[in-house]
C-alpha cells in the first residue's frame, strides 16, 4: 500500500512539472477563456451593429497573435475519426489559398513586366508547398 501512495504522488509531481513547463498558448486555462471572450465580444459587436469587417479583422488579429486558431484546430483534432479529417480539410484549404494567391500575383506581375521576379516568386512558392507536404508526410510517419 505504501508503495502505491508513493508512486501516485510521484506521478502527480511529474504532471505538475510538465504543466508548468507548457507554453502559455498550449494551456487550456488560457485558451478557453480567450475563445469565450472572443465569442462574447463578437456577440456584443453583432448586437450593437458594429461593422462586420471590423469584427472579423479583430478576431483574425487576436487569433493570430495568440495562436488561438492553432489551439482550436488541435482541439478539433482530438475528436475521434472525424476530427483529424476536419483538420486535414482546413489545412489543405490553406495550401490551395496559398497557391491561388501565387497565381494571382503572378498574373498581375507578368502583365506589368516583372517576369523574372515571377519566376523567383513561383520557385519560392513551390518550395514552401513542397516543404509543407514533406512536413505533413514526415509527421504522419513519426
N, C-alpha and C. Protein backbone atom coordinates (compact mmCIF):
# COMPACT_ATOMS: atom_id res chain seq x y z
N UNK A 1 0.81 -1.20 0.00
CA UNK A 1 0.00 0.00 0.00
C UNK A 1 0.85 1.25 0.00
N UNK A 2 1.88 1.27 0.82
CA UNK A 2 2.73 2.46 0.92
C UNK A 2 3.40 2.77 -0.40
N UNK A 3 3.74 1.72 -1.17
CA UNK A 3 4.39 1.92 -2.46
C UNK A 3 3.44 2.58 -3.46
N UNK A 4 2.17 2.21 -3.44
CA UNK A 4 1.22 2.80 -4.36
C UNK A 4 1.01 4.28 -4.09
N UNK A 5 0.95 4.67 -2.84
CA UNK A 5 0.78 6.08 -2.49
C UNK A 5 1.99 6.87 -2.95
N UNK A 6 3.18 6.30 -2.76
CA UNK A 6 4.40 6.99 -3.17
C UNK A 6 4.44 7.16 -4.69
N UNK A 7 4.04 6.11 -5.44
CA UNK A 7 4.03 6.20 -6.90
C UNK A 7 3.04 7.25 -7.39
N UNK A 8 1.85 7.31 -6.78
CA UNK A 8 0.86 8.28 -7.24
C UNK A 8 1.30 9.70 -6.94
N UNK A 9 1.98 9.92 -5.81
CA UNK A 9 2.46 11.26 -5.52
C UNK A 9 3.58 11.66 -6.48
N UNK A 10 4.41 10.68 -6.88
CA UNK A 10 5.45 10.96 -7.85
C UNK A 10 4.83 11.31 -9.20
N UNK A 11 3.79 10.58 -9.59
CA UNK A 11 3.10 10.87 -10.84
C UNK A 11 2.48 12.27 -10.82
N UNK A 12 1.91 12.66 -9.69
CA UNK A 12 1.31 13.99 -9.57
C UNK A 12 2.36 15.08 -9.71
N UNK A 13 3.51 14.87 -9.08
CA UNK A 13 4.56 15.90 -9.19
C UNK A 13 5.09 15.99 -10.62
N UNK A 14 5.18 14.84 -11.30
CA UNK A 14 5.65 14.85 -12.69
C UNK A 14 4.65 15.60 -13.56
N UNK A 15 3.35 15.36 -13.35
CA UNK A 15 2.32 16.06 -14.12
C UNK A 15 2.33 17.55 -13.82
N UNK A 16 2.53 17.93 -12.57
CA UNK A 16 2.59 19.34 -12.21
C UNK A 16 3.78 20.02 -12.88
N UNK A 17 4.94 19.35 -12.88
CA UNK A 17 6.13 19.92 -13.51
C UNK A 17 5.91 20.07 -15.01
N UNK A 18 5.28 19.07 -15.63
CA UNK A 18 5.03 19.14 -17.07
C UNK A 18 4.06 20.26 -17.40
N UNK A 19 3.04 20.45 -16.58
CA UNK A 19 2.08 21.52 -16.86
C UNK A 19 2.70 22.90 -16.62
N UNK A 20 3.67 23.00 -15.74
CA UNK A 20 4.33 24.28 -15.51
C UNK A 20 5.28 24.62 -16.66
N UNK A 21 5.78 23.61 -17.36
CA UNK A 21 6.71 23.85 -18.46
C UNK A 21 6.01 24.15 -19.77
N UNK A 22 4.71 23.94 -19.86
CA UNK A 22 3.99 24.21 -21.09
C UNK A 22 3.97 25.71 -21.38
N UNK A 23 4.14 26.08 -22.65
CA UNK A 23 3.99 27.49 -23.00
C UNK A 23 2.55 27.94 -22.76
N UNK A 24 2.35 29.22 -22.58
CA UNK A 24 1.03 29.73 -22.21
C UNK A 24 -0.01 29.46 -23.29
N UNK A 25 0.41 29.40 -24.58
CA UNK A 25 -0.57 29.23 -25.64
C UNK A 25 -1.05 27.78 -25.77
N UNK A 26 -0.43 26.85 -25.06
CA UNK A 26 -0.89 25.47 -25.08
C UNK A 26 -1.77 25.13 -23.89
N UNK A 27 -1.93 26.04 -23.00
CA UNK A 27 -2.71 25.80 -21.80
C UNK A 27 -4.19 26.07 -22.05
N UNK A 28 -5.02 25.11 -21.72
CA UNK A 28 -6.46 25.30 -21.90
C UNK A 28 -6.98 26.34 -20.93
N UNK A 29 -6.25 26.56 -19.83
CA UNK A 29 -6.67 27.56 -18.84
C UNK A 29 -6.56 28.98 -19.40
N UNK A 30 -5.78 29.15 -20.43
CA UNK A 30 -5.65 30.45 -21.08
C UNK A 30 -6.53 30.51 -22.33
N UNK A 31 -6.50 29.45 -23.12
CA UNK A 31 -7.19 29.49 -24.42
C UNK A 31 -8.71 29.40 -24.31
N UNK A 32 -9.22 28.62 -23.39
CA UNK A 32 -10.67 28.52 -23.27
C UNK A 32 -11.30 29.87 -22.89
N UNK A 33 -10.78 30.58 -21.87
CA UNK A 33 -11.33 31.91 -21.61
C UNK A 33 -11.11 32.89 -22.77
N UNK A 34 -10.00 32.73 -23.49
CA UNK A 34 -9.75 33.60 -24.64
C UNK A 34 -10.82 33.39 -25.71
N UNK A 35 -11.14 32.14 -26.02
CA UNK A 35 -12.18 31.87 -27.01
C UNK A 35 -13.56 32.29 -26.52
N UNK A 36 -13.82 32.10 -25.22
CA UNK A 36 -15.10 32.58 -24.69
C UNK A 36 -15.19 34.10 -24.78
N UNK A 37 -14.07 34.78 -24.52
CA UNK A 37 -14.03 36.24 -24.65
C UNK A 37 -14.22 36.69 -26.09
N UNK A 38 -13.58 35.98 -27.03
CA UNK A 38 -13.74 36.30 -28.45
C UNK A 38 -15.20 36.13 -28.85
N UNK A 39 -15.80 35.00 -28.44
CA UNK A 39 -17.20 34.75 -28.76
C UNK A 39 -18.12 35.80 -28.16
N UNK A 40 -17.86 36.18 -26.91
CA UNK A 40 -18.67 37.21 -26.26
C UNK A 40 -18.55 38.56 -26.94
N UNK A 41 -17.34 38.93 -27.31
CA UNK A 41 -17.15 40.22 -27.98
C UNK A 41 -17.76 40.23 -29.38
N UNK A 42 -17.71 39.09 -30.08
CA UNK A 42 -18.37 39.01 -31.39
C UNK A 42 -19.87 39.17 -31.21
N UNK A 43 -20.43 38.51 -30.21
CA UNK A 43 -21.86 38.63 -29.97
C UNK A 43 -22.24 40.08 -29.64
N UNK A 44 -21.44 40.72 -28.78
CA UNK A 44 -21.70 42.13 -28.45
C UNK A 44 -21.59 43.01 -29.69
N UNK A 45 -20.59 42.76 -30.50
CA UNK A 45 -20.42 43.55 -31.72
C UNK A 45 -21.59 43.41 -32.66
N UNK A 46 -22.09 42.18 -32.80
CA UNK A 46 -23.25 41.97 -33.66
C UNK A 46 -24.51 42.57 -33.04
N UNK A 47 -24.61 42.50 -31.73
CA UNK A 47 -25.77 43.06 -31.03
C UNK A 47 -25.84 44.58 -31.19
N UNK A 48 -24.69 45.24 -31.12
CA UNK A 48 -24.64 46.70 -31.23
C UNK A 48 -24.36 47.18 -32.64
N UNK A 49 -24.52 46.32 -33.63
CA UNK A 49 -24.39 46.65 -35.06
C UNK A 49 -23.03 47.25 -35.43
N UNK A 50 -21.97 46.67 -34.89
CA UNK A 50 -20.63 47.08 -35.29
C UNK A 50 -20.37 46.49 -36.67
N UNK A 51 -19.62 47.19 -37.50
CA UNK A 51 -19.33 46.73 -38.85
C UNK A 51 -18.72 45.33 -38.80
N UNK A 52 -19.22 44.44 -39.64
CA UNK A 52 -18.79 43.05 -39.62
C UNK A 52 -17.32 42.88 -40.01
N UNK A 53 -16.83 43.74 -40.87
CA UNK A 53 -15.42 43.65 -41.25
C UNK A 53 -14.50 44.01 -40.09
N UNK A 54 -14.94 44.92 -39.22
CA UNK A 54 -14.16 45.26 -38.03
C UNK A 54 -14.14 44.07 -37.07
N UNK A 55 -15.28 43.42 -36.91
CA UNK A 55 -15.35 42.25 -36.03
C UNK A 55 -14.46 41.14 -36.57
N UNK A 56 -14.57 40.85 -37.87
CA UNK A 56 -13.77 39.78 -38.47
C UNK A 56 -12.27 40.09 -38.38
N UNK A 57 -11.89 41.33 -38.65
CA UNK A 57 -10.48 41.71 -38.56
C UNK A 57 -9.95 41.59 -37.15
N UNK A 58 -10.76 41.96 -36.18
CA UNK A 58 -10.34 41.86 -34.78
C UNK A 58 -10.16 40.41 -34.37
N UNK A 59 -11.09 39.54 -34.78
CA UNK A 59 -10.97 38.12 -34.44
C UNK A 59 -9.73 37.51 -35.09
N UNK A 60 -9.48 37.85 -36.35
CA UNK A 60 -8.29 37.33 -37.03
C UNK A 60 -7.02 37.83 -36.35
N UNK A 61 -6.97 39.10 -36.01
CA UNK A 61 -5.77 39.66 -35.36
C UNK A 61 -5.52 39.00 -34.01
N UNK A 62 -6.55 38.91 -33.18
CA UNK A 62 -6.38 38.30 -31.85
C UNK A 62 -6.05 36.81 -32.00
N UNK A 63 -6.70 36.14 -32.94
CA UNK A 63 -6.44 34.71 -33.14
C UNK A 63 -5.03 34.42 -33.62
N UNK A 64 -4.52 35.26 -34.50
CA UNK A 64 -3.16 35.04 -34.99
C UNK A 64 -2.10 35.39 -33.94
N UNK A 65 -2.32 36.46 -33.21
CA UNK A 65 -1.34 36.88 -32.21
C UNK A 65 -1.27 35.87 -31.05
N UNK A 66 -2.41 35.33 -30.67
CA UNK A 66 -2.45 34.45 -29.50
C UNK A 66 -2.37 32.96 -29.84
N UNK A 67 -2.21 32.60 -31.11
CA UNK A 67 -2.20 31.21 -31.55
C UNK A 67 -3.50 30.49 -31.22
N UNK A 68 -4.59 31.22 -31.13
CA UNK A 68 -5.87 30.63 -30.77
C UNK A 68 -6.39 29.71 -31.87
N UNK A 69 -6.11 30.00 -33.13
CA UNK A 69 -6.59 29.15 -34.21
C UNK A 69 -5.89 27.79 -34.18
N UNK A 70 -4.61 27.78 -33.90
CA UNK A 70 -3.88 26.51 -33.81
C UNK A 70 -4.41 25.68 -32.64
N UNK A 71 -4.71 26.33 -31.52
CA UNK A 71 -5.26 25.61 -30.37
C UNK A 71 -6.64 25.04 -30.70
N UNK A 72 -7.46 25.81 -31.38
CA UNK A 72 -8.79 25.35 -31.75
C UNK A 72 -8.71 24.19 -32.74
N UNK A 73 -7.78 24.26 -33.68
CA UNK A 73 -7.59 23.16 -34.62
C UNK A 73 -7.11 21.90 -33.90
N UNK A 74 -6.24 22.07 -32.92
CA UNK A 74 -5.80 20.94 -32.11
C UNK A 74 -6.94 20.34 -31.30
N UNK A 75 -7.82 21.19 -30.81
CA UNK A 75 -8.98 20.71 -30.06
C UNK A 75 -9.93 19.93 -30.97
N UNK A 76 -10.12 20.42 -32.18
CA UNK A 76 -10.97 19.71 -33.14
C UNK A 76 -10.35 18.36 -33.49
N UNK A 77 -9.03 18.31 -33.59
CA UNK A 77 -8.34 17.08 -33.95
C UNK A 77 -8.52 16.00 -32.88
N UNK A 78 -8.80 16.37 -31.65
CA UNK A 78 -8.97 15.39 -30.59
C UNK A 78 -10.25 14.56 -30.72
N UNK A 79 -11.20 15.02 -31.52
CA UNK A 79 -12.44 14.26 -31.72
C UNK A 79 -12.10 13.02 -32.55
N UNK A 80 -12.44 11.84 -32.08
CA UNK A 80 -12.07 10.62 -32.81
C UNK A 80 -12.68 10.56 -34.21
N UNK A 81 -11.96 10.01 -35.13
CA UNK A 81 -12.30 9.73 -36.52
C UNK A 81 -12.56 11.00 -37.33
N UNK A 82 -13.54 11.81 -36.98
CA UNK A 82 -13.93 12.95 -37.79
C UNK A 82 -13.01 14.17 -37.55
N UNK A 83 -12.44 14.30 -36.36
CA UNK A 83 -11.59 15.45 -36.04
C UNK A 83 -10.37 15.58 -36.93
N UNK A 84 -9.57 14.50 -37.09
CA UNK A 84 -8.41 14.61 -37.98
C UNK A 84 -8.79 14.91 -39.43
N UNK A 85 -9.95 14.40 -39.87
CA UNK A 85 -10.39 14.70 -41.23
C UNK A 85 -10.70 16.19 -41.40
N UNK A 86 -11.35 16.77 -40.41
CA UNK A 86 -11.66 18.20 -40.47
C UNK A 86 -10.36 19.01 -40.48
N UNK A 87 -9.40 18.61 -39.64
CA UNK A 87 -8.11 19.33 -39.60
C UNK A 87 -7.40 19.25 -40.95
N UNK A 88 -7.46 18.08 -41.59
CA UNK A 88 -6.82 17.94 -42.91
C UNK A 88 -7.51 18.82 -43.94
N UNK A 89 -8.83 18.85 -43.90
CA UNK A 89 -9.57 19.68 -44.85
C UNK A 89 -9.21 21.15 -44.68
N UNK A 90 -9.12 21.61 -43.42
CA UNK A 90 -8.77 23.01 -43.18
C UNK A 90 -7.33 23.30 -43.59
N UNK A 91 -6.43 22.36 -43.39
CA UNK A 91 -5.02 22.57 -43.76
C UNK A 91 -4.84 22.59 -45.26
N UNK A 92 -5.53 21.70 -45.96
CA UNK A 92 -5.43 21.66 -47.42
C UNK A 92 -5.98 22.95 -48.02
N UNK A 93 -7.02 23.49 -47.41
CA UNK A 93 -7.56 24.77 -47.89
C UNK A 93 -6.53 25.88 -47.83
N UNK A 94 -5.68 25.85 -46.80
CA UNK A 94 -4.61 26.85 -46.69
C UNK A 94 -3.62 26.71 -47.84
N UNK A 95 -3.27 25.49 -48.19
CA UNK A 95 -2.33 25.27 -49.29
C UNK A 95 -2.94 25.75 -50.60
N UNK A 96 -4.23 25.45 -50.80
CA UNK A 96 -4.90 25.91 -52.02
C UNK A 96 -4.95 27.43 -52.07
N UNK A 97 -5.23 28.05 -50.94
CA UNK A 97 -5.28 29.51 -50.89
C UNK A 97 -3.91 30.10 -51.21
N UNK A 98 -2.87 29.52 -50.65
CA UNK A 98 -1.51 29.99 -50.93
C UNK A 98 -1.19 29.87 -52.41
N UNK A 99 -1.56 28.77 -53.02
CA UNK A 99 -1.30 28.57 -54.44
C UNK A 99 -2.12 29.54 -55.29
N UNK A 100 -3.38 29.77 -54.93
CA UNK A 100 -4.23 30.68 -55.69
C UNK A 100 -3.70 32.11 -55.63
N UNK A 101 -3.25 32.53 -54.47
CA UNK A 101 -2.68 33.87 -54.34
C UNK A 101 -1.42 33.97 -55.20
N UNK A 102 -0.64 32.90 -55.24
CA UNK A 102 0.56 32.88 -56.07
C UNK A 102 0.24 33.06 -57.54
N UNK A 103 -0.80 32.38 -58.01
CA UNK A 103 -1.20 32.54 -59.41
C UNK A 103 -1.71 33.95 -59.70
N UNK A 104 -2.47 34.51 -58.78
CA UNK A 104 -3.00 35.85 -58.97
C UNK A 104 -1.87 36.89 -59.04
N UNK A 105 -0.95 36.78 -58.10
CA UNK A 105 0.19 37.71 -58.09
C UNK A 105 1.04 37.52 -59.34
N UNK A 106 1.22 36.28 -59.76
CA UNK A 106 2.00 36.01 -60.98
C UNK A 106 1.35 36.65 -62.19
N UNK A 107 0.06 36.52 -62.32
CA UNK A 107 -0.66 37.09 -63.45
C UNK A 107 -0.50 38.61 -63.49
N UNK A 108 -0.67 39.24 -62.34
CA UNK A 108 -0.55 40.70 -62.29
C UNK A 108 0.89 41.14 -62.58
N UNK A 109 1.85 40.41 -62.02
CA UNK A 109 3.26 40.79 -62.22
C UNK A 109 3.69 40.60 -63.67
N UNK A 110 3.24 39.53 -64.31
CA UNK A 110 3.60 39.31 -65.72
C UNK A 110 3.01 40.41 -66.59
N UNK A 111 1.80 40.83 -66.28
CA UNK A 111 1.16 41.93 -67.03
C UNK A 111 1.96 43.22 -66.90
N UNK A 112 2.61 43.41 -65.77
CA UNK A 112 3.37 44.65 -65.55
C UNK A 112 4.82 44.53 -65.98
N UNK A 113 5.25 43.35 -66.42
CA UNK A 113 6.60 43.19 -66.95
C UNK A 113 7.63 42.66 -65.97
N UNK A 114 7.22 42.05 -64.90
CA UNK A 114 8.14 41.51 -63.91
C UNK A 114 8.28 39.99 -64.04
N UNK A 115 8.56 39.50 -65.22
CA UNK A 115 8.56 38.05 -65.45
C UNK A 115 9.69 37.35 -64.70
N UNK A 116 10.88 37.96 -64.59
CA UNK A 116 11.98 37.33 -63.84
C UNK A 116 11.64 37.22 -62.35
N UNK A 117 11.01 38.25 -61.81
CA UNK A 117 10.61 38.20 -60.41
C UNK A 117 9.53 37.15 -60.17
N UNK A 118 8.68 36.96 -61.17
CA UNK A 118 7.63 35.95 -61.06
C UNK A 118 8.25 34.56 -60.97
N UNK A 119 9.28 34.31 -61.77
CA UNK A 119 9.94 33.01 -61.70
C UNK A 119 10.52 32.76 -60.31
N UNK A 120 11.15 33.78 -59.74
CA UNK A 120 11.70 33.65 -58.39
C UNK A 120 10.59 33.41 -57.38
N UNK A 121 9.54 34.18 -57.48
CA UNK A 121 8.42 34.06 -56.55
C UNK A 121 7.76 32.69 -56.65
N UNK A 122 7.51 32.23 -57.89
CA UNK A 122 6.86 30.92 -58.05
C UNK A 122 7.77 29.81 -57.57
N UNK A 123 9.07 29.97 -57.75
CA UNK A 123 10.01 28.97 -57.22
C UNK A 123 9.95 28.89 -55.71
N UNK A 124 9.88 30.05 -55.06
CA UNK A 124 9.76 30.06 -53.61
C UNK A 124 8.42 29.47 -53.15
N UNK A 125 7.37 29.76 -53.87
CA UNK A 125 6.06 29.22 -53.51
C UNK A 125 6.04 27.71 -53.64
N UNK A 126 6.60 27.19 -54.72
CA UNK A 126 6.67 25.74 -54.90
C UNK A 126 7.52 25.11 -53.80
N UNK A 127 8.61 25.77 -53.42
CA UNK A 127 9.46 25.24 -52.35
C UNK A 127 8.71 25.20 -51.02
N UNK A 128 7.92 26.23 -50.72
CA UNK A 128 7.14 26.25 -49.48
C UNK A 128 6.09 25.15 -49.49
N UNK A 129 5.40 24.98 -50.62
CA UNK A 129 4.38 23.93 -50.71
C UNK A 129 5.01 22.55 -50.58
N UNK A 130 6.15 22.33 -51.21
CA UNK A 130 6.84 21.05 -51.07
C UNK A 130 7.27 20.84 -49.62
N UNK A 131 7.73 21.89 -48.97
CA UNK A 131 8.10 21.78 -47.56
C UNK A 131 6.92 21.42 -46.67
N UNK A 132 5.76 22.01 -46.96
CA UNK A 132 4.56 21.69 -46.19
C UNK A 132 4.17 20.22 -46.40
N UNK A 133 4.23 19.76 -47.63
CA UNK A 133 3.86 18.38 -47.92
C UNK A 133 4.84 17.41 -47.28
N UNK A 134 6.14 17.69 -47.38
CA UNK A 134 7.14 16.82 -46.76
C UNK A 134 6.96 16.80 -45.24
N UNK A 135 6.70 17.96 -44.65
CA UNK A 135 6.45 18.01 -43.21
C UNK A 135 5.21 17.23 -42.82
N UNK A 136 4.17 17.30 -43.64
CA UNK A 136 2.95 16.54 -43.38
C UNK A 136 3.22 15.05 -43.44
N UNK A 137 3.96 14.61 -44.47
CA UNK A 137 4.26 13.19 -44.61
C UNK A 137 5.14 12.71 -43.47
N UNK A 138 6.17 13.48 -43.12
CA UNK A 138 7.04 13.08 -42.01
C UNK A 138 6.28 13.07 -40.68
N UNK A 139 5.36 14.00 -40.52
CA UNK A 139 4.54 14.00 -39.31
C UNK A 139 3.66 12.77 -39.22
N UNK A 140 3.18 12.29 -40.34
CA UNK A 140 2.36 11.07 -40.35
C UNK A 140 3.22 9.83 -40.09
N UNK A 141 4.45 9.84 -40.56
CA UNK A 141 5.33 8.69 -40.36
C UNK A 141 5.83 8.58 -38.92
N UNK A 142 6.04 9.72 -38.28
CA UNK A 142 6.53 9.74 -36.91
C UNK A 142 5.37 9.57 -36.00
